[in-house]
Amino acid sequence: MVYSESREHEALHDLVTRLTARFSDSYSPDQVEAVVMQCYEPFKASTVRDYIPVLVEHASKDRLWAKSA
């Protein structure tokens, strides 16, 4: 599959939507988006892009769970 920046951004947007629904009792949509973008930041310069949305999702869930505990 060929890398598509727009697909990656769409995947991140979908991730924010899913996590906002999942953590709506603890976080505002802006807070969830901030966590996702913080987790995405280290991957911005990566040359291999295939798994970035999945890695960001795992890191984001871990942070949100840790902060809500």
PDB file of N, CA and C in Angstrom:
ATOM      1  N   MET A   1       0.838  -1.176   0.000  1.00  0.00           N
ATOM      2  CA  MET A   1       0.000   0.000   0.000  1.00  0.00           C
ATOM      3  C   MET A   1       0.889   1.247   0.000  1.00  0.00           C
ATOM      4  N   VAL A   2       0.521   2.209  -0.757  1.00  0.00           N
ATOM      5  CA  VAL A   2       1.261   3.457  -0.861  1.00  0.00           C
ATOM      6  C   VAL A   2       0.826   4.390   0.269  1.00  0.00           C
ATOM      7  N   TYR A   3       1.794   5.047   0.875  1.00  0.00           N
ATOM      8  CA  TYR A   3       1.507   5.972   1.966  1.00  0.00           C
ATOM      9  C   TYR A   3       0.664   7.142   1.473  1.00  0.00           C
ATOM     10  N   SER A   4      -0.317   7.505   2.271  1.00  0.00           N
ATOM     11  CA  SER A   4      -1.161   8.649   1.971  1.00  0.00           C
ATOM     12  C   SER A   4      -1.288   9.500   3.233  1.00  0.00           C
ATOM     13  N   GLU A   5      -0.781  10.707   3.167  1.00  0.00           N
ATOM     14  CA  GLU A   5      -0.853  11.599   4.319  1.00  0.00           C
ATOM     15  C   GLU A   5      -2.305  11.864   4.711  1.00  0.00           C
ATOM     16  N   SER A   6      -3.165  12.006   3.717  1.00  0.00           N
ATOM     17  CA  SER A   6      -4.571  12.280   4.032  1.00  0.00           C
ATOM     18  C   SER A   6      -5.223  11.085   4.739  1.00  0.00           C
ATOM     19  N   ARG A   7      -4.856   9.869   4.355  1.00  0.00           N
ATOM     20  CA  ARG A   7      -5.393   8.687   5.051  1.00  0.00           C
ATOM     21  C   ARG A   7      -4.904   8.625   6.487  1.00  0.00           C
ATOM     22  N   GLU A   8      -3.647   8.977   6.688  1.00  0.00           N
ATOM     23  CA  GLU A   8      -3.098   8.969   8.039  1.00  0.00           C
ATOM     24  C   GLU A   8      -3.844   9.984   8.907  1.00  0.00           C
ATOM     25  N   HIS A   9      -4.067  11.179   8.390  1.00  0.00           N
ATOM     26  CA  HIS A   9      -4.785  12.197   9.151  1.00  0.00           C
ATOM     27  C   HIS A   9      -6.242  11.799   9.378  1.00  0.00           C
ATOM     28  N   GLU A  10      -6.838  11.147   8.403  1.00  0.00           N
ATOM     29  CA  GLU A  10      -8.207  10.654   8.564  1.00  0.00           C
ATOM     30  C   GLU A  10      -8.265   9.585   9.663  1.00  0.00           C
ATOM     31  N   ALA A  11      -7.266   8.712   9.689  1.00  0.00           N
ATOM     32  CA  ALA A  11      -7.206   7.680  10.724  1.00  0.00           C
ATOM     33  C   ALA A  11      -7.055   8.307  12.107  1.00  0.00           C
ATOM     34  N   LEU A  12      -6.260   9.355  12.208  1.00  0.00           N
ATOM     35  CA  LEU A  12      -6.092  10.041  13.493  1.00  0.00           C
ATOM     36  C   LEU A  12      -7.382  10.747  13.904  1.00  0.00           C
ATOM     37  N   HIS A  13      -8.075  11.340  12.955  1.00  0.00           N
ATOM     38  CA  HIS A  13      -9.360  11.980  13.246  1.00  0.00           C
ATOM     39  C   HIS A  13     -10.366  10.934  13.733  1.00  0.00           C
ATOM     40  N   ASP A  14     -10.413   9.795  13.063  1.00  0.00           N
ATOM     41  CA  ASP A  14     -11.302   8.707  13.490  1.00  0.00           C
ATOM     42  C   ASP A  14     -10.930   8.214  14.887  1.00  0.00           C
ATOM     43  N   LEU A  15      -9.649   8.157  15.164  1.00  0.00           N
ATOM     44  CA  LEU A  15      -9.178   7.747  16.484  1.00  0.00           C
ATOM     45  C   LEU A  15      -9.672   8.715  17.555  1.00  0.00           C
ATOM     46  N   VAL A  16      -9.545   9.998  17.304  1.00  0.00           N
ATOM     47  CA  VAL A  16     -10.026  11.000  18.261  1.00  0.00           C
ATOM     48  C   VAL A  16     -11.525  10.818  18.493  1.00  0.00           C
ATOM     49  N   THR A  17     -12.280  10.583  17.444  1.00  0.00           N
ATOM     50  CA  THR A  17     -13.720  10.387  17.563  1.00  0.00           C
ATOM     51  C   THR A  17     -14.037   9.170  18.430  1.00  0.00           C
ATOM     52  N   ARG A  18     -13.357   8.053  18.174  1.00  0.00           N
ATOM     53  CA  ARG A  18     -13.602   6.827  18.949  1.00  0.00           C
ATOM     54  C   ARG A  18     -13.215   6.986  20.410  1.00  0.00           C
ATOM     55  N   LEU A  19     -12.045   7.587  20.641  1.00  0.00           N
ATOM     56  CA  LEU A  19     -11.589   7.740  22.020  1.00  0.00           C
ATOM     57  C   LEU A  19     -12.427   8.764  22.780  1.00  0.00           C
ATOM     58  N   THR A  20     -12.916   9.780  22.091  1.00  0.00           N
ATOM     59  CA  THR A  20     -13.795  10.762  22.731  1.00  0.00           C
ATOM     60  C   THR A  20     -15.068  10.068  23.218  1.00  0.00           C
ATOM     61  N   ALA A  21     -15.622   9.192  22.406  1.00  0.00           N
ATOM     62  CA  ALA A  21     -16.822   8.452  22.810  1.00  0.00           C
ATOM     63  C   ALA A  21     -16.515   7.510  23.974  1.00  0.00           C
ATOM     64  N   ARG A  22     -15.380   6.865  23.905  1.00  0.00           N
ATOM     65  CA  ARG A  22     -15.014   5.886  24.935  1.00  0.00           C
ATOM     66  C   ARG A  22     -14.709   6.533  26.279  1.00  0.00           C
ATOM     67  N   PHE A  23     -14.093   7.709  26.264  1.00  0.00           N
ATOM     68  CA  PHE A  23     -13.668   8.369  27.493  1.00  0.00           C
ATOM     69  C   PHE A  23     -14.490   9.625  27.795  1.00  0.00           C
ATOM     70  N   SER A  24     -15.706   9.681  27.289  1.00  0.00           N
ATOM     71  CA  SER A  24     -16.526  10.891  27.434  1.00  0.00           C
ATOM     72  C   SER A  24     -16.850  11.229  28.881  1.00  0.00           C
ATOM     73  N   ASP A  25     -16.823  10.248  29.773  1.00  0.00           N
ATOM     74  CA  ASP A  25     -17.099  10.511  31.182  1.00  0.00           C
ATOM     75  C   ASP A  25     -15.936  11.217  31.877  1.00  0.00           C
ATOM     76  N   SER A  26     -14.751  11.100  31.314  1.00  0.00           N
ATOM     77  CA  SER A  26     -13.555  11.626  31.978  1.00  0.00           C
ATOM     78  C   SER A  26     -12.888  12.793  31.271  1.00  0.00           C
ATOM     79  N   TYR A  27     -13.065  12.894  29.944  1.00  0.00           N
ATOM     80  CA  TYR A  27     -12.329  13.882  29.166  1.00  0.00           C
ATOM     81  C   TYR A  27     -13.216  14.589  28.155  1.00  0.00           C
ATOM     82  N   SER A  28     -12.869  15.834  27.894  1.00  0.00           N
ATOM     83  CA  SER A  28     -13.544  16.580  26.830  1.00  0.00           C
ATOM     84  C   SER A  28     -12.930  16.167  25.486  1.00  0.00           C
ATOM     85  N   PRO A  29     -13.627  16.440  24.394  1.00  0.00           N
ATOM     86  CA  PRO A  29     -13.043  16.138  23.075  1.00  0.00           C
ATOM     87  C   PRO A  29     -11.687  16.832  22.858  1.00  0.00           C
ATOM     88  N   ASP A  30     -11.546  18.048  23.342  1.00  0.00           N
ATOM     89  CA  ASP A  30     -10.267  18.766  23.188  1.00  0.00           C
ATOM     90  C   ASP A  30      -9.141  18.080  23.959  1.00  0.00           C
ATOM     91  N   GLN A  31      -9.449  17.560  25.128  1.00  0.00           N
ATOM     92  CA  GLN A  31      -8.432  16.861  25.913  1.00  0.00           C
ATOM     93  C   GLN A  31      -8.000  15.574  25.220  1.00  0.00           C
ATOM     94  N   VAL A  32      -8.961  14.847  24.671  1.00  0.00           N
ATOM     95  CA  VAL A  32      -8.635  13.610  23.959  1.00  0.00           C
ATOM     96  C   VAL A  32      -7.775  13.927  22.737  1.00  0.00           C
ATOM     97  N   GLU A  33      -8.159  14.941  21.993  1.00  0.00           N
ATOM     98  CA  GLU A  33      -7.376  15.314  20.811  1.00  0.00           C
ATOM     99  C   GLU A  33      -5.961  15.721  21.202  1.00  0.00           C
ATOM    100  N   ALA A  34      -5.811  16.427  22.305  1.00  0.00           N
ATOM    101  CA  ALA A  34      -4.480  16.840  22.758  1.00  0.00           C
ATOM    102  C   ALA A  34      -3.614  15.624  23.083  1.00  0.00           C
ATOM    103  N   VAL A  35      -4.184  14.634  23.736  1.00  0.00           N
ATOM    104  CA  VAL A  35      -3.435  13.412  24.057  1.00  0.00           C
ATOM    105  C   VAL A  35      -3.030  12.695  22.773  1.00  0.00           C
ATOM    106  N   VAL A  36      -3.951  12.557  21.834  1.00  0.00           N
ATOM    107  CA  VAL A  36      -3.641  11.884  20.571  1.00  0.00           C
ATOM    108  C   VAL A  36      -2.511  12.618  19.841  1.00  0.00           C
ATOM    109  N   MET A  37      -2.582  13.927  19.790  1.00  0.00           N
ATOM    110  CA  MET A  37      -1.539  14.686  19.088  1.00  0.00           C
ATOM    111  C   MET A  37      -0.197  14.603  19.812  1.00  0.00           C
ATOM    112  N   GLN A  38      -0.212  14.555  21.139  1.00  0.00           N
ATOM    113  CA  GLN A  38       1.036  14.374  21.896  1.00  0.00           C
ATOM    114  C   GLN A  38       1.660  13.015  21.582  1.00  0.00           C
ATOM    115  N   CYS A  39       0.822  12.004  21.467  1.00  0.00           N
ATOM    116  CA  CYS A  39       1.319  10.659  21.155  1.00  0.00           C
ATOM    117  C   CYS A  39       1.780  10.555  19.701  1.00  0.00           C
ATOM    118  N   TYR A  40       1.195  11.352  18.834  1.00  0.00           N
ATOM    119  CA  TYR A  40       1.567  11.354  17.415  1.00  0.00           C
ATOM    120  C   TYR A  40       2.891  12.077  17.171  1.00  0.00           C
ATOM    121  N   GLU A  41       3.186  13.052  17.980  1.00  0.00           N
ATOM    122  CA  GLU A  41       4.362  13.917  17.783  1.00  0.00           C
ATOM    123  C   GLU A  41       5.666  13.145  17.542  1.00  0.00           C
ATOM    124  N   PRO A  42       6.010  12.142  18.327  1.00  0.00           N
ATOM    125  CA  PRO A  42       7.283  11.439  18.101  1.00  0.00           C
ATOM    126  C   PRO A  42       7.369  10.708  16.757  1.00  0.00           C
ATOM    127  N   PHE A  43       6.231  10.454  16.131  1.00  0.00           N
ATOM    128  CA  PHE A  43       6.208   9.713  14.876  1.00  0.00           C
ATOM    129  C   PHE A  43       6.214  10.597  13.632  1.00  0.00           C
ATOM    130  N   LYS A  44       6.122  11.897  13.806  1.00  0.00           N
ATOM    131  CA  LYS A  44       6.004  12.799  12.654  1.00  0.00           C
ATOM    132  C   LYS A  44       7.149  12.658  11.661  1.00  0.00           C
ATOM    133  N   ALA A  45       8.345  12.399  12.151  1.00  0.00           N
ATOM    134  CA  ALA A  45       9.512  12.323  11.267  1.00  0.00           C
ATOM    135  C   ALA A  45       9.849  10.888  10.848  1.00  0.00           C
ATOM    136  N   SER A  46       9.031   9.933  11.237  1.00  0.00           N
ATOM    137  CA  SER A  46       9.300   8.529  10.895  1.00  0.00           C
ATOM    138  C   SER A  46       9.232   8.302   9.387  1.00  0.00           C
ATOM    139  N   THR A  47      10.108   7.454   8.918  1.00  0.00           N
ATOM    140  CA  THR A  47      10.099   7.144   7.495  1.00  0.00           C
ATOM    141  C   THR A  47       9.146   5.993   7.178  1.00  0.00           C
ATOM    142  N   VAL A  48       8.967   5.076   8.115  1.00  0.00           N
ATOM    143  CA  VAL A  48       8.015   3.980   7.944  1.00  0.00           C
ATOM    144  C   VAL A  48       6.715   4.421   8.587  1.00  0.00           C
ATOM    145  N   ARG A  49       5.649   4.546   7.805  1.00  0.00           N
ATOM    146  CA  ARG A  49       4.412   5.166   8.264  1.00  0.00           C
ATOM    147  C   ARG A  49       3.255   4.187   8.445  1.00  0.00           C
ATOM    148  N   ASP A  50       3.433   2.933   8.047  1.00  0.00           N
ATOM    149  CA  ASP A  50       2.328   1.980   7.973  1.00  0.00           C
ATOM    150  C   ASP A  50       1.562   1.784   9.284  1.00  0.00           C
ATOM    151  N   TYR A  51       2.245   1.775  10.398  1.00  0.00           N
ATOM    152  CA  TYR A  51       1.598   1.418  11.662  1.00  0.00           C
ATOM    153  C   TYR A  51       1.427   2.595  12.620  1.00  0.00           C
ATOM    154  N   ILE A  52       1.702   3.783  12.155  1.00  0.00           N
ATOM    155  CA  ILE A  52       1.641   4.939  13.047  1.00  0.00           C
ATOM    156  C   ILE A  52       0.261   5.116  13.690  1.00  0.00           C
ATOM    157  N   PRO A  53      -0.841   5.062  12.958  1.00  0.00           N
ATOM    158  CA  PRO A  53      -2.139   5.219  13.631  1.00  0.00           C
ATOM    159  C   PRO A  53      -2.384   4.176  14.731  1.00  0.00           C
ATOM    160  N   VAL A  54      -1.949   2.948  14.501  1.00  0.00           N
ATOM    161  CA  VAL A  54      -2.123   1.894  15.512  1.00  0.00           C
ATOM    162  C   VAL A  54      -1.253   2.175  16.737  1.00  0.00           C
ATOM    163  N   LEU A  55      -0.024   2.579  16.513  1.00  0.00           N
ATOM    164  CA  LEU A  55       0.874   2.891  17.620  1.00  0.00           C
ATOM    165  C   LEU A  55       0.364   4.087  18.422  1.00  0.00           C
ATOM    166  N   VAL A  56      -0.134   5.080  17.722  1.00  0.00           N
ATOM    167  CA  VAL A  56      -0.693   6.259  18.400  1.00  0.00           C
ATOM    168  C   VAL A  56      -1.932   5.867  19.204  1.00  0.00           C
ATOM    169  N   GLU A  57      -2.745   4.986  18.655  1.00  0.00           N
ATOM    170  CA  GLU A  57      -3.940   4.541  19.378  1.00  0.00           C
ATOM    171  C   GLU A  57      -3.566   3.849  20.686  1.00  0.00           C
ATOM    172  N   HIS A  58      -2.609   2.943  20.639  1.00  0.00           N
ATOM    173  CA  HIS A  58      -2.196   2.238  21.855  1.00  0.00           C
ATOM    174  C   HIS A  58      -1.624   3.206  22.886  1.00  0.00           C
ATOM    175  N   ALA A  59      -0.769   4.101  22.457  1.00  0.00           N
ATOM    176  CA  ALA A  59      -0.166   5.067  23.379  1.00  0.00           C
ATOM    177  C   ALA A  59      -1.225   5.994  23.970  1.00  0.00           C
ATOM    178  N   SER A  60      -2.171   6.424  23.151  1.00  0.00           N
ATOM    179  CA  SER A  60      -3.221   7.324  23.607  1.00  0.00           C
ATOM    180  C   SER A  60      -4.122   6.649  24.638  1.00  0.00           C
ATOM    181  N   LYS A  61      -4.515   5.417  24.358  1.00  0.00           N
ATOM    182  CA  LYS A  61      -5.349   4.665  25.314  1.00  0.00           C
ATOM    183  C   LYS A  61      -4.621   4.493  26.634  1.00  0.00           C
ATOM    184  N   ASP A  62      -3.340   4.151  26.570  1.00  0.00           N
ATOM    185  CA  ASP A  62      -2.562   3.986  27.797  1.00  0.00           C
ATOM    186  C   ASP A  62      -2.551   5.270  28.620  1.00  0.00           C
ATOM    187  N   ARG A  63      -2.325   6.403  27.963  1.00  0.00           N
ATOM    188  CA  ARG A  63      -2.294   7.682  28.690  1.00  0.00           C
ATOM    189  C   ARG A  63      -3.658   8.040  29.263  1.00  0.00           C
ATOM    190  N   LEU A  64      -4.695   7.841  28.477  1.00  0.00           N
ATOM    191  CA  LEU A  64      -6.033   8.184  28.950  1.00  0.00           C
ATOM    192  C   LEU A  64      -6.457   7.284  30.106  1.00  0.00           C
ATOM    193  N   TRP A  65      -6.146   6.001  30.027  1.00  0.00           N
ATOM    194  CA  TRP A  65      -6.472   5.093  31.132  1.00  0.00           C
ATOM    195  C   TRP A  65      -5.690   5.478  32.381  1.00  0.00           C
ATOM    196  N   ALA A  66      -4.409   5.787  32.216  1.00  0.00           N
ATOM    197  CA  ALA A  66      -3.568   6.139  33.373  1.00  0.00           C
ATOM    198  C   ALA A  66      -4.059   7.412  34.057  1.00  0.00           C
ATOM    199  N   LYS A  67      -4.474   8.385  33.274  1.00  0.00           N
ATOM    200  CA  LYS A  67      -4.934   9.657  33.838  1.00  0.00           C
ATOM    201  C   LYS A  67      -6.317   9.536  34.474  1.00  0.00           C
ATOM    202  N   SER A  68      -7.124   8.589  34.009  1.00  0.00           N
ATOM    203  CA  SER A  68      -8.476   8.470  34.554  1.00  0.00           C
ATOM    204  C   SER A  68      -8.538   7.546  35.772  1.00  0.00           C
ATOM    205  N   ALA A  69      -7.445   6.841  36.035  1.00  0.00           N
ATOM    206  CA  ALA A  69      -7.434   5.892  37.169  1.00  0.00           C
ATOM    207  C   ALA A  69      -7.253   6.587  38.496  1.00  0.00           C
TER     208      ALA A  69
END
